[in-house]
Amino acid sequence: MRTKFVVFSILSLLTVIFLYPVWHSIQWILIILIPALFIGYIDLFQKSHSLRRNFPLIGRGRWIMERLRPFVRQYFMESETDGSPTNRMFRSVVYQRAKGDLDTNPLGTKMDTYRIGYEWMSHSMAAFHIKDKHPNPRVTVGGPQCSKPYSASILNISAMSFGALSNQAIRALNAGAKKGGFYHNTGEGGCSPYHLENGGDIVWQIGTGYFGCRDSEGNFCDATFAKMAQNDAIKMIEIKLSQGAKPGHGGILPAVKNSEEIAAIRHVEPYTTVNSPPGHSAFSTPIEMMYFIQKLRTLSGGKPIGFKFCMGRPGEFVALCKAMLSTGIQPDFITVDGGEGGTGAAPLEFSNSVGMPLKDALVAVCDSLTGFGLKAQIKIIAAGKIYTAFHLVKHLSIGADICNSARGMMLALGCVQSLICNTNQCPTGIATQKQSLTKGLVVSDKSERVARFHQETVKTVMEIVSAGGLSEPNQLNRTHIYRRISEFAIQRYDEIYPYCETGNLLEPPYPKRFQQQMREATAESFMPVYCIGKHDKGLHEIECETII
């Protein structure tokens, strides 16, 4: 191919020389031919890509096709139930509800109701029509140690930072939250002026980098935290331990997105890649974490304090429960982020293969709290691929009190799932800091869409709840959801995920599924305790040591 290209080049040049007298008729050919020959020779002599070196110019077609492949698949090849990470069916219903378009479905379901894993809710013969005015159900967050409880909607905006998202996107989300009466989680990037501009309720997330409340060394700063936390717009504070898309890794803000403005808000150096530490420096044990929660509650003036995490070892959460009992300090809420959570940038292995999926994690958290007699005092928030009313109903049935959605809200803003969030080239102006792109996002229009998506989704939740013969979402439980576990068998959630009796982890004998967790969990360490049994003269002794 290389020899052919050289021969072709020589013949092309000879042709040009021969046709020079009729120059005016071949100009358009030369405009194409000369740059093509130039690029071909670059490919011929470069040493980075063997494909381009062996097939000059033509070999570049591979990169062109790879660039076009995601768009061709999304717009021409996907069925309604295909597409990743969000299938077209869910994308479409979010767009329709956000725009106020017709969102009904003709000719029945497009899903295979006999596939293993198919889930549905049981309706009731006692179903009834809900009232014409569809309420926005509220959940009060704030335990006995909280002096400023907050009334939250059952659907809210999940954590997305300014920096990962544009200023226009943050403005639109917060204005939508204000109009719809739900909260907006800041993400770990700090509470920016754009979060506060439109007056929507704010949940301020404090990550391992302590952005917006850190000193010059990157440690937590009491004074800067207290100053921001006492802002009236901030209703709750959330300590981020980990997130589902990259648990145990820490957040990533690419240098290309880290402008001087963002750096000033986060108290970091501009135009550098900012990696949040994997763990917190303000505490190192479950007991220390409980005292940190109490510290934040005091500094904030008594606002609800909680934490967000993606479940790793269930025994570590049991250790937190033991610390709650040991110190007498409890969080007001816990946000459970599933391993299927989204992000703008994460290593492939972390997104695919680290962290427990949401349903399993939610069961572990709810049952552990129930077993320790703490569930009634602590509200549970579920986050992870929540787009439709059934997603809410399903997780509320397991035991969550509230749900958060990030990608659903982004779709309501106009996200087209171009999958280039980490490049600063988002075509819709959502996940970028380029002003030439963000100017295309009109806050007044997109905020209406965010509010409308929330309203229509919550309305449908109430319709599903009433179809089950219930009057409130908090009446949902695991008996209401069914799952196909084989071609011939189905089970209810309470059969797949058996309930834990209240208080059965306060003293032995413990339920079999909790025995190992209770054995290895200690309030003095996040790391499990490893126990070795020894037999000595008929006596069973146990030697325990913490795994480091």
Protein backbone atom coordinates (compact mmCIF):
# COMPACT_ATOMS: atom_id res chain seq x y z
CA MET A 1 0.00 0.00 0.00
CA ARG A 2 2.87 2.36 0.75
CA THR A 3 4.39 1.70 -2.71
CA LYS A 4 0.99 2.22 -4.32
CA PHE A 5 0.59 5.52 -2.51
CA VAL A 6 3.99 6.76 -3.73
CA VAL A 7 3.15 5.69 -7.30
CA PHE A 8 -0.24 7.38 -7.03
CA SER A 9 1.39 10.57 -5.79
CA ILE A 10 3.87 10.66 -8.68
CA LEU A 11 1.14 10.01 -11.24
CA SER A 12 -1.01 12.72 -9.63
CA LEU A 13 1.76 15.28 -9.88
CA LEU A 14 2.48 14.33 -13.49
CA THR A 15 -1.21 14.70 -14.28
CA VAL A 16 -1.26 18.15 -12.70
CA ILE A 17 1.78 19.23 -14.76
CA PHE A 18 0.23 17.84 -17.94
CA LEU A 19 -3.07 19.63 -17.32
CA TYR A 20 -1.50 22.93 -16.24
CA PRO A 21 -2.55 24.68 -19.48
CA VAL A 22 -6.21 24.13 -18.53
CA TRP A 23 -5.63 25.23 -14.91
CA HIS A 24 -9.02 26.95 -14.55
CA SER A 25 -10.89 23.64 -15.04
CA ILE A 26 -8.95 21.56 -12.50
CA GLN A 27 -8.66 23.98 -9.58
CA TRP A 28 -11.33 22.18 -7.56
CA ILE A 29 -9.48 18.87 -8.02
CA LEU A 30 -6.23 20.38 -6.71
CA ILE A 31 -7.98 21.87 -3.68
CA ILE A 32 -8.81 18.30 -2.62
CA LEU A 33 -5.80 16.47 -4.05
CA ILE A 34 -2.93 18.52 -2.63
CA PRO A 35 -4.08 18.46 1.06
CA ALA A 36 -4.84 14.73 0.69
CA LEU A 37 -1.33 14.06 -0.63
CA PHE A 38 0.17 16.14 2.18
CA ILE A 39 -1.77 14.20 4.86
CA GLY A 40 -0.86 10.93 3.15
CA TYR A 41 2.86 11.70 3.33
CA ILE A 42 2.54 12.63 7.00
CA ASP A 43 0.98 9.22 7.61
CA LEU A 44 3.64 7.50 5.52
CA PHE A 45 6.55 8.79 7.58
CA GLN A 46 5.04 8.99 11.11
CA LYS A 47 5.89 6.15 13.54
CA SER A 48 3.04 6.26 16.07
CA HIS A 49 0.35 4.30 14.20
CA SER A 50 1.21 1.27 12.12
CA LEU A 51 -2.20 1.31 10.43
CA ARG A 52 -1.68 4.84 9.08
CA ARG A 53 1.92 4.04 8.12
CA ASN A 54 0.90 0.97 6.11
CA PHE A 55 -2.27 2.54 4.66
CA PRO A 56 -1.61 6.28 4.31
CA LEU A 57 -4.69 8.49 4.25
CA ILE A 58 -7.08 5.52 3.91
CA GLY A 59 -6.16 4.25 7.40
CA ARG A 60 -7.62 7.40 8.93
CA GLY A 61 -11.06 6.07 8.09
CA ARG A 62 -10.88 3.87 11.19
CA TRP A 63 -10.76 6.87 13.54
CA ILE A 64 -13.54 8.61 11.63
CA MET A 65 -15.82 5.57 11.98
CA GLU A 66 -14.98 5.17 15.67
CA ARG A 67 -15.88 8.83 16.25
CA LEU A 68 -19.21 8.41 14.48
CA ARG A 69 -20.07 4.99 15.93
CA PRO A 70 -21.84 6.11 19.16
CA PHE A 71 -24.01 8.60 17.28
CA VAL A 72 -24.91 6.15 14.50
CA ARG A 73 -25.90 3.54 17.10
CA GLN A 74 -27.95 5.99 19.17
CA TYR A 75 -29.88 7.59 16.33
CA PHE A 76 -30.22 4.78 13.79
CA MET A 77 -29.77 1.38 15.44
CA GLU A 78 -31.05 1.46 19.04
CA SER A 79 -34.45 0.02 19.89
CA GLU A 80 -36.60 1.57 22.63
CA THR A 81 -35.10 -0.74 25.25
CA ASP A 82 -31.49 -0.45 24.04
CA GLY A 83 -28.88 2.14 24.85
CA SER A 84 -26.39 2.60 27.63
CA PRO A 85 -26.07 3.92 30.27
CA THR A 86 -29.67 5.10 29.76
CA ASN A 87 -31.91 3.34 27.25
CA ARG A 88 -34.00 5.27 24.74
CA MET A 89 -37.30 4.43 26.44
CA PHE A 90 -36.26 6.17 29.66
CA ARG A 91 -34.60 9.06 27.84
CA SER A 92 -37.76 9.60 25.83
CA VAL A 93 -40.11 9.63 28.82
CA VAL A 94 -37.91 12.17 30.63
CA TYR A 95 -37.86 14.44 27.54
CA GLN A 96 -41.63 14.11 27.10
CA ARG A 97 -42.44 14.93 30.70
CA ALA A 98 -39.95 17.77 30.86
CA LYS A 99 -41.44 19.36 27.74
CA GLY A 100 -45.03 18.64 28.69
CA ASP A 101 -45.48 16.43 25.61
CA LEU A 102 -47.68 13.35 25.38
CA ASP A 103 -46.02 10.64 27.47
CA THR A 104 -48.50 7.79 27.10
CA ASN A 105 -47.49 4.47 25.51
CA PRO A 106 -49.43 2.86 22.60
CA LEU A 107 -50.04 -0.86 21.97
CA GLY A 108 -48.66 -2.09 25.28
CA THR A 109 -45.24 -2.66 26.77
CA LYS A 110 -42.09 -3.04 24.68
CA MET A 111 -40.43 -4.99 27.49
CA ASP A 112 -40.16 -8.78 27.63
CA THR A 113 -42.29 -9.58 30.67
CA TYR A 114 -40.98 -13.17 30.77
CA ARG A 115 -37.30 -12.34 30.95
CA ILE A 116 -35.54 -13.12 34.21
CA GLY A 117 -35.27 -9.93 36.22
CA TYR A 118 -38.50 -8.32 35.00
CA GLU A 119 -40.17 -6.43 37.88
CA TRP A 120 -43.61 -4.96 38.46
CA MET A 121 -45.85 -3.56 41.18
CA SER A 122 -48.99 -5.31 42.33
CA HIS A 123 -52.14 -3.22 41.90
CA SER A 124 -55.19 -3.66 44.08
CA MET A 125 -58.92 -4.21 43.59
CA ALA A 126 -59.21 -1.43 46.16
CA ALA A 127 -57.55 1.04 43.78
CA PHE A 128 -59.03 4.54 43.72
CA HIS A 129 -58.69 7.80 41.80
CA ILE A 130 -56.41 10.37 43.31
CA LYS A 131 -57.63 13.94 43.60
CA ASP A 132 -57.39 16.42 40.73
CA LYS A 133 -54.68 18.32 42.57
CA HIS A 134 -51.65 16.09 42.80
CA PRO A 135 -49.71 16.78 45.99
CA ASN A 136 -45.97 16.90 46.32
CA PRO A 137 -45.53 14.34 49.13
CA ARG A 138 -43.13 15.52 51.82
CA VAL A 139 -40.79 13.71 54.19
CA THR A 140 -39.49 15.40 57.33
CA VAL A 141 -35.73 14.96 57.73
CA GLY A 142 -34.28 15.63 61.16
CA GLY A 143 -33.91 13.35 64.17
CA PRO A 144 -34.21 14.21 67.86
CA GLN A 145 -30.74 15.83 67.86
CA CYS A 146 -31.68 18.23 65.02
CA SER A 147 -33.26 21.59 65.87
CA LYS A 148 -34.02 22.67 62.26
CA PRO A 149 -35.70 19.74 60.49
CA TYR A 150 -36.39 20.02 56.76
CA SER A 151 -39.47 18.96 54.81
CA ALA A 152 -38.19 17.29 51.61
CA SER A 153 -39.89 16.14 48.43
CA ILE A 154 -39.70 12.43 47.58
CA LEU A 155 -37.76 13.30 44.36
CA ASN A 156 -34.83 15.71 44.26
CA ILE A 157 -31.71 16.69 42.32
CA SER A 158 -28.78 14.44 43.14
CA ALA A 159 -25.21 15.63 43.68
CA MET A 160 -23.64 17.37 40.66
CA SER A 161 -20.89 19.96 41.17
CA PHE A 162 -20.34 23.33 39.57
CA GLY A 163 -17.23 22.56 37.57
CA ALA A 164 -18.55 19.25 36.38
CA LEU A 165 -21.64 21.20 35.23
CA SER A 166 -21.75 24.68 33.76
CA ASN A 167 -22.94 27.79 35.56
CA GLN A 168 -26.04 27.87 33.32
CA ALA A 169 -26.87 24.26 34.15
CA ILE A 170 -26.54 24.94 37.89
CA ARG A 171 -28.75 28.03 37.58
CA ALA A 172 -31.42 26.09 35.66
CA LEU A 173 -31.42 23.17 38.10
CA ASN A 174 -31.73 25.43 41.12
CA ALA A 175 -34.44 27.58 39.54
CA GLY A 176 -36.31 24.37 38.70
CA ALA A 177 -35.97 23.21 42.31
CA LYS A 178 -37.36 26.54 43.50
CA LYS A 179 -40.38 26.29 41.17
CA GLY A 180 -41.06 22.64 41.97
CA GLY A 181 -40.45 22.71 45.72
CA PHE A 182 -37.61 20.18 45.93
CA TYR A 183 -33.95 20.35 46.89
CA HIS A 184 -30.77 20.67 44.86
CA ASN A 185 -27.63 18.85 46.04
CA THR A 186 -24.47 20.86 45.30
CA GLY A 187 -22.11 17.93 44.80
CA GLU A 188 -18.70 17.98 46.44
CA GLY A 189 -17.47 20.98 44.41
CA GLY A 190 -18.78 23.48 46.94
CA CYS A 191 -21.75 25.82 47.14
CA SER A 192 -21.23 28.35 44.34
CA PRO A 193 -23.03 31.69 43.81
CA TYR A 194 -24.97 29.97 41.00
CA HIS A 195 -26.47 27.51 43.51
CA LEU A 196 -27.74 30.43 45.59
CA GLU A 197 -28.82 32.78 42.81
CA ASN A 198 -32.40 31.56 42.32
CA GLY A 199 -33.33 30.66 45.89
CA GLY A 200 -33.92 26.91 45.55
CA ASP A 201 -33.40 24.70 48.60
CA ILE A 202 -29.81 23.48 48.88
CA VAL A 203 -28.20 20.36 50.30
CA TRP A 204 -24.54 21.25 50.68
CA GLN A 205 -22.30 18.24 50.12
CA ILE A 206 -18.93 18.13 51.91
CA GLY A 207 -16.50 15.77 50.20
CA THR A 208 -13.04 14.54 51.09
CA GLY A 209 -11.50 17.64 49.51
CA TYR A 210 -13.58 19.93 51.78
CA PHE A 211 -14.12 22.33 48.87
CA GLY A 212 -15.53 25.61 50.13
CA CYS A 213 -14.65 24.81 53.76
CA ARG A 214 -10.94 23.99 53.68
CA ASP A 215 -7.77 25.67 54.88
CA SER A 216 -4.62 26.23 52.86
CA GLU A 217 -3.47 22.67 53.58
CA GLY A 218 -6.71 21.11 52.36
CA ASN A 219 -8.01 20.25 55.83
CA PHE A 220 -11.50 20.97 57.15
CA CYS A 221 -11.93 24.55 58.40
CA ASP A 222 -14.55 25.26 61.09
CA ALA A 223 -14.85 28.97 60.37
CA THR A 224 -15.43 28.79 56.60
CA PHE A 225 -17.87 25.91 57.07
CA ALA A 226 -19.91 27.74 59.70
CA LYS A 227 -20.10 30.88 57.57
CA MET A 228 -21.56 29.02 54.58
CA ALA A 229 -23.64 26.46 56.51
CA GLN A 230 -25.70 29.12 58.23
CA ASN A 231 -26.95 30.50 54.91
CA ASP A 232 -30.75 30.21 54.94
CA ALA A 233 -30.83 28.57 51.48
CA ILE A 234 -28.84 25.60 52.80
CA LYS A 235 -31.32 23.21 54.38
CA MET A 236 -29.15 20.13 54.99
CA ILE A 237 -25.46 19.15 54.95
CA GLU A 238 -24.28 15.84 53.46
CA ILE A 239 -20.86 14.30 54.16
CA LYS A 240 -19.73 12.42 51.09
CA LEU A 241 -17.82 9.24 51.95
CA SER A 242 -17.95 7.76 48.45
CA GLN A 243 -20.00 7.78 45.26
CA GLY A 244 -21.35 4.91 43.20
CA ALA A 245 -19.49 5.64 39.96
CA LYS A 246 -16.05 5.52 41.58
CA PRO A 247 -16.27 4.40 45.22
CA GLY A 248 -13.04 4.64 47.15
CA HIS A 249 -11.46 6.70 44.38
CA GLY A 250 -12.38 10.33 45.01
CA GLY A 251 -13.74 12.89 42.57
CA ILE A 252 -11.92 14.17 39.49
CA LEU A 253 -12.10 17.68 38.04
CA PRO A 254 -10.09 17.83 34.78
CA ALA A 255 -7.71 20.79 34.46
CA VAL A 256 -9.54 21.99 31.36
CA LYS A 257 -12.66 22.61 33.51
CA ASN A 258 -10.85 24.09 36.51
CA SER A 259 -11.16 27.79 35.71
CA GLU A 260 -10.08 30.62 38.00
CA GLU A 261 -13.69 31.05 39.11
CA ILE A 262 -14.10 27.39 40.03
CA ALA A 263 -10.71 27.31 41.74
CA ALA A 264 -11.69 30.31 43.88
CA ILE A 265 -14.91 28.58 44.97
CA ARG A 266 -13.06 25.36 45.79
CA HIS A 267 -9.97 27.06 47.25
CA VAL A 268 -7.56 25.27 44.90
CA GLU A 269 -5.06 26.20 42.17
CA PRO A 270 -6.69 27.03 38.81
CA TYR A 271 -6.06 25.04 35.60
CA THR A 272 -4.85 21.97 37.47
CA THR A 273 -6.51 18.56 37.65
CA VAL A 274 -8.15 18.34 41.07
CA ASN A 275 -8.36 14.85 42.56
CA SER A 276 -10.32 14.56 45.79
CA PRO A 277 -8.63 12.23 48.32
CA PRO A 278 -10.18 8.77 48.61
CA GLY A 279 -10.83 9.24 52.35
CA HIS A 280 -11.52 11.97 54.91
CA SER A 281 -8.81 13.60 57.02
CA ALA A 282 -11.28 15.02 59.60
CA PHE A 283 -11.98 11.55 61.02
CA SER A 284 -10.51 8.06 60.76
CA THR A 285 -12.84 5.80 62.77
CA PRO A 286 -16.63 5.34 63.01
CA ILE A 287 -16.67 6.95 66.46
CA GLU A 288 -14.70 9.96 65.22
CA MET A 289 -17.14 10.25 62.31
CA MET A 290 -20.10 10.47 64.72
CA TYR A 291 -18.38 13.29 66.61
CA PHE A 292 -17.71 15.02 63.29
CA ILE A 293 -21.43 14.78 62.47
CA GLN A 294 -22.26 16.37 65.83
CA LYS A 295 -19.66 19.08 65.18
CA LEU A 296 -21.25 19.98 61.84
CA ARG A 297 -24.71 19.99 63.41
CA THR A 298 -23.51 22.48 66.01
CA LEU A 299 -21.61 24.69 63.54
CA SER A 300 -24.61 24.78 61.19
CA GLY A 301 -27.02 25.88 63.89
CA GLY A 302 -28.83 22.57 64.21
CA LYS A 303 -29.51 21.68 60.57
CA PRO A 304 -29.92 18.04 59.46
CA ILE A 305 -26.58 16.32 58.92
CA GLY A 306 -26.19 13.09 56.99
CA PHE A 307 -23.73 11.17 54.87
CA LYS A 308 -23.63 9.64 51.42
CA PHE A 309 -21.82 6.44 50.53
CA CYS A 310 -21.68 3.52 48.13
CA MET A 311 -21.80 0.23 50.01
CA GLY A 312 -18.55 -1.73 50.08
CA ARG A 313 -18.22 -4.24 52.91
CA PRO A 314 -21.58 -4.41 54.75
CA GLY A 315 -19.63 -4.92 57.98
CA GLU A 316 -18.31 -1.36 57.72
CA PHE A 317 -21.85 -0.01 57.85
CA VAL A 318 -22.56 -2.23 60.85
CA ALA A 319 -19.50 -0.61 62.45
CA LEU A 320 -21.11 2.80 61.88
CA CYS A 321 -24.32 1.56 63.52
CA LYS A 322 -22.31 0.36 66.53
CA ALA A 323 -20.66 3.79 66.71
CA MET A 324 -24.09 5.46 66.68
CA LEU A 325 -25.11 3.39 69.69
CA SER A 326 -21.77 3.85 71.42
CA THR A 327 -21.74 7.65 71.12
CA GLY A 328 -25.46 8.31 71.19
CA ILE A 329 -25.00 10.41 68.03
CA GLN A 330 -26.92 9.61 64.85
CA PRO A 331 -27.04 11.22 61.42
CA ASP A 332 -30.38 12.65 60.35
CA PHE A 333 -30.23 10.97 56.94
CA ILE A 334 -28.14 8.51 54.94
CA THR A 335 -27.86 8.69 51.15
CA VAL A 336 -27.20 5.30 49.56
CA ASP A 337 -25.57 5.57 46.14
CA GLY A 338 -25.62 2.46 43.98
CA GLY A 339 -22.62 1.12 42.09
CA GLU A 340 -24.54 1.98 38.90
CA GLY A 341 -24.24 5.69 39.73
CA GLY A 342 -23.12 8.14 37.06
CA THR A 343 -20.34 10.68 36.80
CA GLY A 344 -18.57 12.84 34.26
CA ALA A 345 -15.23 11.08 34.68
CA ALA A 346 -14.24 7.75 36.26
CA PRO A 347 -11.85 4.87 35.52
CA LEU A 348 -13.61 2.08 33.63
CA GLU A 349 -12.87 -0.56 36.25
CA PHE A 350 -14.41 1.54 39.04
CA SER A 351 -17.57 2.28 37.06
CA ASN A 352 -18.00 -1.36 36.03
CA SER A 353 -16.65 -3.45 38.86
CA VAL A 354 -16.45 -1.61 42.20
CA GLY A 355 -19.36 -0.90 44.54
CA MET A 356 -22.62 -2.65 45.44
CA PRO A 357 -25.70 -2.05 43.25
CA LEU A 358 -28.38 0.19 44.75
CA LYS A 359 -31.10 -2.35 45.61
CA ASP A 360 -28.73 -4.67 47.47
CA ALA A 361 -27.08 -1.77 49.29
CA LEU A 362 -30.44 -0.28 50.20
CA VAL A 363 -31.58 -3.57 51.71
CA ALA A 364 -28.35 -3.87 53.72
CA VAL A 365 -28.65 -0.32 55.09
CA CYS A 366 -32.36 -0.48 55.91
CA ASP A 367 -32.12 -3.88 57.59
CA SER A 368 -29.02 -2.96 59.60
CA LEU A 369 -30.66 0.21 60.91
CA THR A 370 -33.81 -1.75 61.73
CA GLY A 371 -31.81 -4.41 63.55
CA PHE A 372 -30.11 -1.77 65.70
CA GLY A 373 -33.39 0.04 66.36
CA LEU A 374 -32.26 3.18 64.47
CA LYS A 375 -34.43 3.15 61.33
CA ALA A 376 -37.23 5.31 62.77
CA GLN A 377 -34.80 8.14 63.57
CA ILE A 378 -32.85 8.20 60.28
CA LYS A 379 -34.25 8.92 56.82
CA ILE A 380 -32.86 6.93 53.87
CA ILE A 381 -32.25 8.55 50.47
CA ALA A 382 -31.72 6.34 47.41
CA ALA A 383 -29.66 7.45 44.39
CA GLY A 384 -28.75 5.52 41.25
CA LYS A 385 -30.39 5.37 37.78
CA ILE A 386 -33.73 6.82 38.82
CA TYR A 387 -35.71 8.12 35.83
CA THR A 388 -39.35 7.08 36.19
CA ALA A 389 -42.07 6.85 38.82
CA PHE A 390 -41.63 3.08 39.00
CA HIS A 391 -37.95 3.54 39.88
CA LEU A 392 -39.08 5.67 42.83
CA VAL A 393 -41.82 3.25 43.86
CA LYS A 394 -39.42 0.30 43.71
CA HIS A 395 -36.83 1.89 45.99
CA LEU A 396 -39.40 3.36 48.36
CA SER A 397 -40.83 -0.16 48.68
CA ILE A 398 -37.46 -1.53 49.76
CA GLY A 399 -37.17 1.03 52.55
CA ALA A 400 -35.99 4.38 51.16
CA ASP A 401 -37.87 7.51 52.23
CA ILE A 402 -36.60 9.81 49.45
CA CYS A 403 -34.99 9.42 46.01
CA ASN A 404 -32.40 11.57 44.23
CA SER A 405 -31.87 11.70 40.47
CA ALA A 406 -28.85 13.12 38.64
CA ARG A 407 -29.04 11.77 35.09
CA GLY A 408 -32.82 12.16 35.02
CA MET A 409 -32.46 15.84 35.86
CA MET A 410 -29.68 16.24 33.28
CA LEU A 411 -31.93 14.72 30.61
CA ALA A 412 -34.65 17.16 31.67
CA LEU A 413 -32.11 19.95 31.09
CA GLY A 414 -31.56 18.70 27.54
CA CYS A 415 -28.67 16.20 27.84
CA VAL A 416 -28.50 14.09 24.65
CA GLN A 417 -26.17 11.42 26.10
CA SER A 418 -23.31 12.27 23.76
CA LEU A 419 -20.95 10.62 26.33
CA ILE A 420 -18.29 13.34 26.21
CA CYS A 421 -18.88 14.82 29.67
CA ASN A 422 -15.18 14.52 30.51
CA THR A 423 -13.92 16.46 27.46
CA ASN A 424 -15.40 19.93 28.13
CA GLN A 425 -17.15 19.67 24.74
CA CYS A 426 -20.72 18.95 25.87
CA PRO A 427 -22.86 20.08 22.90
CA THR A 428 -25.84 21.07 25.07
CA GLY A 429 -23.84 23.36 27.38
CA ILE A 430 -24.50 21.23 30.47
CA ALA A 431 -21.21 19.45 31.28
CA THR A 432 -18.79 22.07 30.00
CA GLN A 433 -17.16 25.34 31.00
CA LYS A 434 -16.85 26.69 27.43
CA GLN A 435 -18.87 29.88 27.18
CA SER A 436 -19.47 29.31 23.48
CA LEU A 437 -21.41 26.16 24.44
CA THR A 438 -23.02 27.20 27.73
CA LYS A 439 -24.71 30.19 26.10
CA GLY A 440 -26.98 27.74 24.25
CA LEU A 441 -28.59 26.67 27.55
CA VAL A 442 -31.46 29.09 28.32
CA VAL A 443 -32.08 29.05 32.07
CA SER A 444 -35.71 30.21 31.98
CA ASP A 445 -36.69 27.46 29.55
CA LYS A 446 -34.67 24.62 31.07
CA SER A 447 -35.71 25.40 34.65
CA GLU A 448 -39.34 24.99 33.60
CA ARG A 449 -38.47 21.61 32.12
CA VAL A 450 -36.74 20.48 35.31
CA ALA A 451 -39.72 21.53 37.42
CA ARG A 452 -42.18 19.90 35.00
CA PHE A 453 -40.24 16.61 34.93
CA HIS A 454 -40.34 16.53 38.73
CA GLN A 455 -44.04 17.38 38.85
CA GLU A 456 -45.11 14.80 36.27
CA THR A 457 -42.95 12.05 37.78
CA VAL A 458 -44.25 12.62 41.31
CA LYS A 459 -47.80 12.79 39.93
CA THR A 460 -47.28 9.36 38.34
CA VAL A 461 -45.87 8.01 41.62
CA MET A 462 -49.12 9.00 43.31
CA GLU A 463 -51.13 7.34 40.54
CA ILE A 464 -49.17 4.09 40.99
CA VAL A 465 -49.54 4.31 44.77
CA SER A 466 -53.31 4.78 44.48
CA ALA A 467 -53.47 1.89 41.99
CA GLY A 468 -52.10 -0.23 44.81
CA GLY A 469 -54.94 0.89 47.08
CA LEU A 470 -52.62 3.13 49.11
CA SER A 471 -52.91 6.82 49.90
CA GLU A 472 -49.27 7.76 50.65
CA PRO A 473 -45.85 6.64 49.31
CA ASN A 474 -44.69 5.83 52.85
CA GLN A 475 -47.21 2.97 52.90
CA LEU A 476 -45.23 1.09 50.25
CA ASN A 477 -43.30 -1.98 51.39
CA ARG A 478 -41.55 -5.02 49.96
CA THR A 479 -44.78 -6.96 49.51
CA HIS A 480 -45.81 -4.61 46.69
CA ILE A 481 -43.03 -5.43 44.20
CA TYR A 482 -42.64 -8.70 42.29
CA ARG A 483 -39.65 -10.01 40.35
CA ARG A 484 -39.35 -12.86 37.86
CA ILE A 485 -36.53 -15.10 39.11
CA SER A 486 -36.91 -17.83 36.47
CA GLU A 487 -39.06 -18.63 33.46
CA PHE A 488 -41.61 -20.30 35.73
CA ALA A 489 -41.19 -18.56 39.11
CA ILE A 490 -41.79 -15.14 40.59
CA GLN A 491 -41.14 -13.80 44.09
CA ARG A 492 -42.09 -10.73 46.08
CA TYR A 493 -39.37 -8.44 47.33
CA ASP A 494 -40.04 -9.51 50.93
CA GLU A 495 -39.24 -13.10 49.87
CA ILE A 496 -36.07 -12.08 48.01
CA TYR A 497 -35.06 -9.55 50.68
CA PRO A 498 -36.56 -10.81 53.98
CA TYR A 499 -37.30 -8.14 56.55
CA CYS A 500 -35.15 -7.79 59.64
CA GLU A 501 -36.95 -7.60 63.00
CA THR A 502 -36.56 -4.37 64.92
CA GLY A 503 -33.83 -4.62 67.56
CA ASN A 504 -32.60 -8.12 66.67
CA LEU A 505 -28.98 -6.86 66.32
CA LEU A 506 -28.85 -5.35 69.80
CA GLU A 507 -27.98 -8.65 71.45
CA PRO A 508 -27.22 -12.25 70.39
CA PRO A 509 -28.25 -14.58 68.92
CA TYR A 510 -28.00 -12.55 65.71
CA PRO A 511 -29.69 -13.51 62.42
CA LYS A 512 -27.52 -15.82 60.36
CA ARG A 513 -26.95 -13.29 57.56
CA PHE A 514 -25.56 -10.78 60.07
CA GLN A 515 -23.34 -13.07 62.14
CA GLN A 516 -20.13 -12.43 60.22
CA GLN A 517 -20.77 -8.69 60.03
CA MET A 518 -21.44 -8.47 63.77
CA ARG A 519 -18.28 -10.48 64.44
CA GLU A 520 -15.97 -8.33 62.31
CA ALA A 521 -17.46 -4.85 62.89
CA THR A 522 -16.17 -2.53 65.60
CA ALA A 523 -16.97 1.08 66.39
CA GLU A 524 -13.26 1.77 66.83
CA SER A 525 -12.25 1.02 63.21
CA PHE A 526 -13.60 1.03 59.69
CA MET A 527 -11.43 -2.00 58.97
CA PRO A 528 -12.90 -5.38 59.91
CA VAL A 529 -11.71 -7.36 62.91
CA TYR A 530 -10.32 -10.76 61.88
CA CYS A 531 -10.96 -13.52 64.37
CA ILE A 532 -9.00 -16.79 64.55
CA GLY A 533 -10.40 -19.69 66.52
CA LYS A 534 -7.98 -21.88 68.52
CA HIS A 535 -8.65 -25.05 70.49
CA ASP A 536 -6.58 -25.41 73.63
CA LYS A 537 -7.34 -28.20 76.14
CA GLY A 538 -10.94 -28.34 75.04
CA LEU A 539 -11.47 -24.60 75.44
CA HIS A 540 -12.43 -22.47 72.42
CA GLU A 541 -10.45 -19.23 72.49
CA ILE A 542 -10.76 -16.39 70.04
CA GLU A 543 -7.87 -14.16 69.03
CA CYS A 544 -8.91 -11.00 67.19
CA GLU A 545 -6.89 -8.43 65.34
CA THR A 546 -7.77 -5.59 63.02
CA ILE A 547 -6.87 -6.18 59.39
CA ILE A 548 -4.57 -3.41 58.14
